[in-house]
C-alpha atoms as a PDB file:
ATOM      1  CA  UNK A   1     -36.457 -80.142 -32.005  1.00  0.00           C
ATOM      2  CA  UNK A   2     -38.556 -82.941 -33.509  1.00  0.00           C
ATOM      3  CA  UNK A   3     -36.911 -86.348 -33.490  1.00  0.00           C
ATOM      4  CA  UNK A   4     -36.497 -88.228 -36.797  1.00  0.00           C
ATOM      5  CA  UNK A   5     -39.012 -90.950 -37.451  1.00  0.00           C
ATOM      6  CA  UNK A   6     -36.326 -93.598 -37.188  1.00  0.00           C
ATOM      7  CA  UNK A   7     -35.159 -92.667 -33.648  1.00  0.00           C
ATOM      8  CA  UNK A   8     -36.157 -95.321 -31.147  1.00  0.00           C
ATOM      9  CA  UNK A   9     -35.721 -94.266 -27.542  1.00  0.00           C
ATOM     10  CA  UNK A  10     -35.868 -96.500 -24.494  1.00  0.00           C
ATOM     11  CA  UNK A  11     -35.718 -94.973 -20.980  1.00  0.00           C
ATOM     12  CA  UNK A  12     -34.857 -96.877 -17.771  1.00  0.00           C
ATOM     13  CA  UNK A  13     -38.284 -97.266 -16.204  1.00  0.00           C
ATOM     14  CA  UNK A  14     -40.560 -99.235 -13.949  1.00  0.00           C
ATOM     15  CA  UNK A  15     -44.364 -99.422 -14.034  1.00  0.00           C
ATOM     16  CA  UNK A  16     -44.499 -96.998 -11.098  1.00  0.00           C
ATOM     17  CA  UNK A  17     -42.346 -94.437 -12.842  1.00  0.00           C
ATOM     18  CA  UNK A  18     -45.223 -93.146 -14.933  1.00  0.00           C
ATOM     19  CA  UNK A  19     -44.047 -94.226 -18.392  1.00  0.00           C
ATOM     20  CA  UNK A  20     -46.387 -95.568 -21.000  1.00  0.00           C
ATOM     21  CA  UNK A  21     -45.397 -98.769 -22.744  1.00  0.00           C
ATOM     22  CA  UNK A  22     -43.537 -98.314 -26.053  1.00  0.00           C
ATOM     23  CA  UNK A  23     -45.890 -97.536 -28.907  1.00  0.00           C
ATOM     24  CA  UNK A  24     -45.977 -99.541 -32.152  1.00  0.00           C
ATOM     25  CA  UNK A  25     -43.688 -96.922 -33.671  1.00  0.00           C
ATOM     26  CA  UNK A  26     -40.864 -97.944 -31.311  1.00  0.00           C
ATOM     27  CA  UNK A  27     -41.056 -94.865 -29.053  1.00  0.00           C
ATOM     28  CA  UNK A  28     -41.413 -94.912 -25.263  1.00  0.00           C
ATOM     29  CA  UNK A  29     -43.691 -91.993 -24.308  1.00  0.00           C
ATOM     30  CA  UNK A  30     -42.942 -90.559 -20.795  1.00  0.00           C
ATOM     31  CA  UNK A  31     -45.578 -88.939 -18.557  1.00  0.00           C
ATOM     32  CA  UNK A  32     -42.940 -87.651 -16.126  1.00  0.00           C
ATOM     33  CA  UNK A  33     -39.164 -87.838 -15.859  1.00  0.00           C
ATOM     34  CA  UNK A  34     -37.691 -90.492 -13.581  1.00  0.00           C
ATOM     35  CA  UNK A  35     -34.910 -89.257 -11.317  1.00  0.00           C
ATOM     36  CA  UNK A  36     -32.694 -91.883  -9.762  1.00  0.00           C
ATOM     37  CA  UNK A  37     -30.695 -90.683  -6.737  1.00  0.00           C
ATOM     38  CA  UNK A  38     -27.463 -92.450  -6.039  1.00  0.00           C
ATOM     39  CA  UNK A  39     -25.636 -90.859  -3.082  1.00  0.00           C
ATOM     40  CA  UNK A  40     -25.519 -87.117  -3.730  1.00  0.00           C
ATOM     41  CA  UNK A  41     -25.679 -87.489  -7.501  1.00  0.00           C
ATOM     42  CA  UNK A  42     -28.701 -87.613  -9.758  1.00  0.00           C
ATOM     43  CA  UNK A  43     -28.524 -89.616 -12.900  1.00  0.00           C
ATOM     44  CA  UNK A  44     -30.995 -90.037 -15.774  1.00  0.00           C
ATOM     45  CA  UNK A  45     -30.229 -92.965 -17.993  1.00  0.00           C
ATOM     46  CA  UNK A  46     -31.414 -92.657 -21.581  1.00  0.00           C
ATOM     47  CA  UNK A  47     -30.596 -95.036 -24.355  1.00  0.00           C
ATOM     48  CA  UNK A  48     -31.108 -94.074 -27.989  1.00  0.00           C
ATOM     49  CA  UNK A  49     -30.942 -96.370 -30.967  1.00  0.00           C
ATOM     50  CA  UNK A  50     -30.877 -94.919 -34.463  1.00  0.00           C
ATOM     51  CA  UNK A  51     -32.236 -97.090 -37.268  1.00  0.00           C
ATOM     52  CA  UNK A  52     -31.781 -95.575 -40.706  1.00  0.00           C
ATOM     53  CA  UNK A  53     -32.575 -97.280 -44.020  1.00  0.00           C
ATOM     54  CA  UNK A  54     -29.385 -98.744 -45.594  1.00  0.00           C
ATOM     55  CA  UNK A  55     -27.774 -96.698 -48.328  1.00  0.00           C
ATOM     56  CA  UNK A  56     -27.801 -98.186 -51.825  1.00  0.00           C
ATOM     57  CA  UNK A  57     -30.151-100.919 -50.667  1.00  0.00           C
ATOM     58  CA  UNK A  58     -31.106-101.766 -54.264  1.00  0.00           C
ATOM     59  CA  UNK A  59     -27.477-102.167 -55.335  1.00  0.00           C
ATOM     60  CA  UNK A  60     -26.713-104.392 -52.345  1.00  0.00           C
ATOM     61  CA  UNK A  61     -29.719-106.598 -53.060  1.00  0.00           C
ATOM     62  CA  UNK A  62     -28.706-106.871 -56.725  1.00  0.00           C
ATOM     63  CA  UNK A  63     -25.138-107.787 -55.738  1.00  0.00           C
ATOM     64  CA  UNK A  64     -26.364-110.509 -53.375  1.00  0.00           C
ATOM     65  CA  UNK A  65     -28.743-112.011 -55.943  1.00  0.00           C
ATOM     66  CA  UNK A  66     -25.997-112.082 -58.579  1.00  0.00           C
ATOM     67  CA  UNK A  67     -23.640-113.769 -56.113  1.00  0.00           C
ATOM     68  CA  UNK A  68     -26.205-116.479 -55.343  1.00  0.00           C
ATOM     69  CA  UNK A  69     -26.739-117.113 -59.066  1.00  0.00           C
ATOM     70  CA  UNK A  70     -23.051-117.327 -59.961  1.00  0.00           C
ATOM     71  CA  UNK A  71     -22.317-119.504 -56.921  1.00  0.00           C
ATOM     72  CA  UNK A  72     -25.029-121.981 -57.963  1.00  0.00           C
ATOM     73  CA  UNK A  73     -23.659-122.091 -61.532  1.00  0.00           C
ATOM     74  CA  UNK A  74     -20.000-122.748 -60.651  1.00  0.00           C
ATOM     75  CA  UNK A  75     -20.102-126.554 -60.220  1.00  0.00           C
ATOM     76  CA  UNK A  76     -22.270-127.193 -63.304  1.00  0.00           C
ATOM     77  CA  UNK A  77     -19.639-126.906 -66.080  1.00  0.00           C
ATOM     78  CA  UNK A  78     -21.621-124.161 -67.837  1.00  0.00           C
ATOM     79  CA  UNK A  79     -24.725-126.375 -67.608  1.00  0.00           C
ATOM     80  CA  UNK A  80     -23.276-129.577 -69.113  1.00  0.00           C
ATOM     81  CA  UNK A  81     -23.713-131.486 -65.838  1.00  0.00           C
ATOM     82  CA  UNK A  82     -26.932-129.748 -64.718  1.00  0.00           C
ATOM     83  CA  UNK A  83     -29.807-132.012 -63.693  1.00  0.00           C
ATOM     84  CA  UNK A  84     -33.434-130.952 -64.274  1.00  0.00           C
ATOM     85  CA  UNK A  85     -33.527-129.794 -60.636  1.00  0.00           C
ATOM     86  CA  UNK A  86     -30.336-127.781 -61.195  1.00  0.00           C
ATOM     87  CA  UNK A  87     -31.828-126.181 -64.292  1.00  0.00           C
ATOM     88  CA  UNK A  88     -34.973-125.251 -62.386  1.00  0.00           C
ATOM     89  CA  UNK A  89     -32.953-123.696 -59.555  1.00  0.00           C
ATOM     90  CA  UNK A  90     -30.764-121.672 -61.956  1.00  0.00           C
ATOM     91  CA  UNK A  91     -33.855-120.462 -63.819  1.00  0.00           C
ATOM     92  CA  UNK A  92     -35.460-119.322 -60.543  1.00  0.00           C
ATOM     93  CA  UNK A  93     -32.289-117.530 -59.402  1.00  0.00           C
ATOM     94  CA  UNK A  94     -31.913-115.917 -62.842  1.00  0.00           C
ATOM     95  CA  UNK A  95     -35.471-114.586 -62.669  1.00  0.00           C
ATOM     96  CA  UNK A  96     -34.727-112.964 -59.321  1.00  0.00           C
ATOM     97  CA  UNK A  97     -31.750-111.188 -60.893  1.00  0.00           C
ATOM     98  CA  UNK A  98     -33.803-110.204 -63.956  1.00  0.00           C
ATOM     99  CA  UNK A  99     -36.390-108.620 -61.633  1.00  0.00           C
ATOM    100  CA  UNK A 100     -33.772-106.075 -60.450  1.00  0.00           C
ATOM    101  CA  UNK A 101     -32.361-105.293 -63.910  1.00  0.00           C
ATOM    102  CA  UNK A 102     -30.887-101.752 -63.714  1.00  0.00           C
ATOM    103  CA  UNK A 103     -30.817-101.348 -67.513  1.00  0.00           C
ATOM    104  CA  UNK A 104     -34.351-100.991 -68.825  1.00  0.00           C
ATOM    105  CA  UNK A 105     -33.373-100.665 -72.503  1.00  0.00           C
ATOM    106  CA  UNK A 106     -30.348-102.956 -72.885  1.00  0.00           C
ATOM    107  CA  UNK A 107     -29.956-102.620 -76.643  1.00  0.00           C
ATOM    108  CA  UNK A 108     -29.646 -98.851 -76.293  1.00  0.00           C
ATOM    109  CA  UNK A 109     -26.951 -99.142 -73.634  1.00  0.00           C
ATOM    110  CA  UNK A 110     -23.192 -99.365 -74.193  1.00  0.00           C
ATOM    111  CA  UNK A 111     -23.136-102.029 -71.472  1.00  0.00           C
ATOM    112  CA  UNK A 112     -24.296-104.605 -74.014  1.00  0.00           C
ATOM    113  CA  UNK A 113     -21.189-104.222 -76.169  1.00  0.00           C
ATOM    114  CA  UNK A 114     -17.999-106.230 -75.885  1.00  0.00           C
ATOM    115  CA  UNK A 115     -16.812-109.778 -75.394  1.00  0.00           C
ATOM    116  CA  UNK A 116     -18.801-111.888 -72.916  1.00  0.00           C
ATOM    117  CA  UNK A 117     -17.785-115.260 -71.490  1.00  0.00           C
ATOM    118  CA  UNK A 118     -20.542-117.865 -71.325  1.00  0.00           C
ATOM    119  CA  UNK A 119     -20.847-119.292 -67.796  1.00  0.00           C
ATOM    120  CA  UNK A 120     -24.166-121.126 -68.157  1.00  0.00           C
ATOM    121  CA  UNK A 121     -26.624-122.174 -70.841  1.00  0.00           C
ATOM    122  CA  UNK A 122     -29.375-124.688 -71.490  1.00  0.00           C
ATOM    123  CA  UNK A 123     -28.458-124.881 -75.199  1.00  0.00           C
ATOM    124  CA  UNK A 124     -27.562-128.476 -76.038  1.00  0.00           C
ATOM    125  CA  UNK A 125     -25.951-127.326 -79.305  1.00  0.00           C
ATOM    126  CA  UNK A 126     -23.468-125.175 -77.413  1.00  0.00           C
ATOM    127  CA  UNK A 127     -22.881-127.504 -74.453  1.00  0.00           C
ATOM    128  CA  UNK A 128     -22.316-130.635 -76.609  1.00  0.00           C
ATOM    129  CA  UNK A 129     -22.664-132.601 -73.391  1.00  0.00           C
ATOM    130  CA  UNK A 130     -22.765-135.953 -75.215  1.00  0.00           C
ATOM    131  CA  UNK A 131     -19.215-135.460 -76.462  1.00  0.00           C
ATOM    132  CA  UNK A 132     -16.271-136.526 -74.303  1.00  0.00           C
ATOM    133  CA  UNK A 133     -15.137-133.638 -72.128  1.00  0.00           C
ATOM    134  CA  UNK A 134     -11.787-133.316 -73.922  1.00  0.00           C
ATOM    135  CA  UNK A 135     -13.630-132.627 -77.208  1.00  0.00           C
ATOM    136  CA  UNK A 136     -15.740-129.799 -75.760  1.00  0.00           C
ATOM    137  CA  UNK A 137     -14.677-126.183 -76.043  1.00  0.00           C
ATOM    138  CA  UNK A 138     -12.756-125.101 -72.957  1.00  0.00           C
ATOM    139  CA  UNK A 139     -14.330-121.627 -73.019  1.00  0.00           C
ATOM    140  CA  UNK A 140     -17.103-120.024 -75.082  1.00  0.00           C
ATOM    141  CA  UNK A 141     -17.480-116.329 -75.843  1.00  0.00           C
ATOM    142  CA  UNK A 142     -20.281-114.248 -77.299  1.00  0.00           C
ATOM    143  CA  UNK A 143     -19.517-110.800 -78.677  1.00  0.00           C
ATOM    144  CA  UNK A 144     -21.909-107.974 -79.542  1.00  0.00           C
ATOM    145  CA  UNK A 145     -21.328-104.635 -81.271  1.00  0.00           C
ATOM    146  CA  UNK A 146     -24.641-102.800 -81.550  1.00  0.00           C
ATOM    147  CA  UNK A 147     -23.217 -99.898 -83.563  1.00  0.00           C
ATOM    148  CA  UNK A 148     -22.419-102.299 -86.425  1.00  0.00           C
ATOM    149  CA  UNK A 149     -25.249-104.741 -85.574  1.00  0.00           C
ATOM    150  CA  UNK A 150     -22.807-107.643 -85.488  1.00  0.00           C
ATOM    151  CA  UNK A 151     -22.666-110.724 -83.269  1.00  0.00           C
ATOM    152  CA  UNK A 152     -19.933-113.335 -82.927  1.00  0.00           C
ATOM    153  CA  UNK A 153     -19.666-116.625 -81.076  1.00  0.00           C
ATOM    154  CA  UNK A 154     -16.253-118.146 -80.413  1.00  0.00           C
ATOM    155  CA  UNK A 155     -14.965-121.420 -79.015  1.00  0.00           C
ATOM    156  CA  UNK A 156     -11.454-122.007 -77.679  1.00  0.00           C
ATOM    157  CA  UNK A 157      -9.415-125.206 -77.344  1.00  0.00           C
ATOM    158  CA  UNK A 158      -9.521-127.728 -78.974  1.00  0.00           C
ATOM    159  CA  UNK A 159     -11.134-126.543 -82.230  1.00  0.00           C
ATOM    160  CA  UNK A 160     -11.402-122.720 -82.092  1.00  0.00           C
ATOM    161  CA  UNK A 161     -14.586-122.710 -84.183  1.00  0.00           C
ATOM    162  CA  UNK A 162     -16.452-119.426 -84.513  1.00  0.00           C
ATOM    163  CA  UNK A 163     -19.461-117.895 -86.255  1.00  0.00           C
ATOM    164  CA  UNK A 164     -20.427-114.314 -87.059  1.00  0.00           C
ATOM    165  CA  UNK A 165     -23.833-112.907 -87.861  1.00  0.00           C
ATOM    166  CA  UNK A 166     -26.102-109.889 -88.146  1.00  0.00           C
ATOM    167  CA  UNK A 167     -28.514-108.431 -85.594  1.00  0.00           C
ATOM    168  CA  UNK A 168     -31.880-106.800 -86.260  1.00  0.00           C
ATOM    169  CA  UNK A 169     -33.423-105.033 -83.257  1.00  0.00           C
ATOM    170  CA  UNK A 170     -37.146-105.659 -82.775  1.00  0.00           C
ATOM    171  CA  UNK A 171     -37.391-103.356 -79.754  1.00  0.00           C
ATOM    172  CA  UNK A 172     -35.093-102.110 -76.980  1.00  0.00           C
ATOM    173  CA  UNK A 173     -34.680-105.621 -75.523  1.00  0.00           C
ATOM    174  CA  UNK A 174     -35.049-108.148 -78.354  1.00  0.00           C
ATOM    175  CA  UNK A 175     -33.084-108.853 -81.537  1.00  0.00           C
ATOM    176  CA  UNK A 176     -33.255-111.366 -84.319  1.00  0.00           C
ATOM    177  CA  UNK A 177     -29.989-113.107 -85.114  1.00  0.00           C
ATOM    178  CA  UNK A 178     -28.994-114.236 -88.614  1.00  0.00           C
ATOM    179  CA  UNK A 179     -25.769-116.236 -88.640  1.00  0.00           C
ATOM    180  CA  UNK A 180     -23.680-115.647 -91.748  1.00  0.00           C
ATOM    181  CA  UNK A 181     -20.264-117.341 -91.734  1.00  0.00           C
ATOM    182  CA  UNK A 182     -18.810-120.195 -89.701  1.00  0.00           C
ATOM    183  CA  UNK A 183     -15.041-120.566 -89.352  1.00  0.00           C
ATOM    184  CA  UNK A 184     -13.921-124.124 -88.769  1.00  0.00           C
ATOM    185  CA  UNK A 185     -10.703-124.430 -86.770  1.00  0.00           C
ATOM    186  CA  UNK A 186     -10.687-120.655 -86.708  1.00  0.00           C
ATOM    187  CA  UNK A 187      -9.822-120.070 -90.375  1.00  0.00           C
ATOM    188  CA  UNK A 188     -11.860-122.278 -92.781  1.00  0.00           C
ATOM    189  CA  UNK A 189     -14.931-120.209 -93.804  1.00  0.00           C
ATOM    190  CA  UNK A 190     -18.268-121.947 -94.361  1.00  0.00           C
ATOM    191  CA  UNK A 191     -21.423-120.049 -95.272  1.00  0.00           C
ATOM    192  CA  UNK A 192     -24.234-120.597 -92.782  1.00  0.00           C
ATOM    193  CA  UNK A 193     -27.362-122.332 -94.171  1.00  0.00           C
ATOM    194  CA  UNK A 194     -30.247-119.914 -94.642  1.00  0.00           C
ATOM    195  CA  UNK A 195     -32.946-122.155 -93.228  1.00  0.00           C
ATOM    196  CA  UNK A 196     -31.397-123.005 -89.837  1.00  0.00           C
ATOM    197  CA  UNK A 197     -29.161-120.084 -88.964  1.00  0.00           C
ATOM    198  CA  UNK A 198     -31.840-117.754 -87.582  1.00  0.00           C
ATOM    199  CA  UNK A 199     -32.902-117.041 -84.034  1.00  0.00           C
ATOM    200  CA  UNK A 200     -34.291-114.496 -81.617  1.00  0.00           C
ATOM    201  CA  UNK A 201     -32.710-113.274 -78.414  1.00  0.00           C
ATOM    202  CA  UNK A 202     -34.124-111.202 -75.548  1.00  0.00           C
ATOM    203  CA  UNK A 203     -31.718-109.401 -73.227  1.00  0.00           C
ATOM    204  CA  UNK A 204     -33.352-109.686 -69.819  1.00  0.00           C
ATOM    205  CA  UNK A 205     -30.502-108.342 -67.659  1.00  0.00           C
ATOM    206  CA  UNK A 206     -27.286-106.437 -68.230  1.00  0.00           C
ATOM    207  CA  UNK A 207     -24.865-104.435 -66.112  1.00  0.00           C
ATOM    208  CA  UNK A 208     -21.085-103.945 -66.110  1.00  0.00           C
ATOM    209  CA  UNK A 209     -20.452-107.535 -64.993  1.00  0.00           C
ATOM    210  CA  UNK A 210     -23.308-109.834 -65.959  1.00  0.00           C
ATOM    211  CA  UNK A 211     -25.704-110.432 -68.845  1.00  0.00           C
ATOM    212  CA  UNK A 212     -28.714-112.741 -69.021  1.00  0.00           C
ATOM    213  CA  UNK A 213     -30.439-113.552 -72.310  1.00  0.00           C
ATOM    214  CA  UNK A 214     -33.329-115.821 -73.242  1.00  0.00           C
ATOM    215  CA  UNK A 215     -34.232-117.459 -76.533  1.00  0.00           C
ATOM    216  CA  UNK A 216     -37.047-119.548 -77.910  1.00  0.00           C
ATOM    217  CA  UNK A 217     -37.518-123.045 -76.524  1.00  0.00           C
ATOM    218  CA  UNK A 218     -36.704-121.983 -72.950  1.00  0.00           C
ATOM    219  CA  UNK A 219     -33.092-121.294 -73.858  1.00  0.00           C
ATOM    220  CA  UNK A 220     -31.170-119.460 -71.145  1.00  0.00           C
ATOM    221  CA  UNK A 221     -27.754-117.822 -71.520  1.00  0.00           C
ATOM    222  CA  UNK A 222     -25.807-116.318 -68.611  1.00  0.00           C
ATOM    223  CA  UNK A 223     -22.546-114.529 -69.350  1.00  0.00           C
ATOM    224  CA  UNK A 224     -19.947-112.467 -67.531  1.00  0.00           C
ATOM    225  CA  UNK A 225     -18.048-109.558 -69.041  1.00  0.00           C
ATOM    226  CA  UNK A 226     -14.618-110.462 -70.405  1.00  0.00           C
ATOM    227  CA  UNK A 227     -13.570-107.467 -72.538  1.00  0.00           C
ATOM    228  CA  UNK A 228     -15.845-104.404 -72.967  1.00  0.00           C
ATOM    229  CA  UNK A 229     -13.570-102.939 -75.672  1.00  0.00           C
ATOM    230  CA  UNK A 230     -13.640-105.919 -78.053  1.00  0.00           C
ATOM    231  CA  UNK A 231     -14.560-105.233 -81.677  1.00  0.00           C
ATOM    232  CA  UNK A 232     -15.880-107.869 -84.079  1.00  0.00           C
ATOM    233  CA  UNK A 233     -13.817-107.917 -87.283  1.00  0.00           C
ATOM    234  CA  UNK A 234     -15.802-106.627 -90.277  1.00  0.00           C
END
């Protein structure tokens, strides 16, 4: 029976035993069998090593790259304390994750929908890094419902501000965003100004756990799934 390509066999040999050196493929090619007599017993020692490609290699690589990205983000307070070197490192790690994106048409996938927690961004408007820490939102969320073409951004303590808007898909990865109504302190409605409340967002990675988006001006948003069932109030 033919051996699989990934079987590497090494046989106990000496130069006088008549064995060729192992080939580049990892096989030792015998010219005659070596019989070793020990007392009245004959013994042939053969060692086999099987080397098969790992299962789900792509998934494991993706998991490792995501872990490295999230680990690098953790001490940066969502980006508020990131130095230029930190920002460069996060961008490089994010691009490695984007290169293994399993969802080729994110806006056509249900994975995009739900409530996402922001864990990193380069947006100064969201980070508000110049404010004292106690005046910054403790947690930020971004919500998307593609069936209704709605988007929502929410802050938590101390102000609970939020804004809702409309989405217009440009292709299977990119949408324009038109913000419509801000809610100050969570309940005072203020209409968004027409001239400044527009933007464009490209979804560069999404799976069940993580989403990466990019906007104009080198804006980077990295989010983790919080609630996939969340619906934006209409």
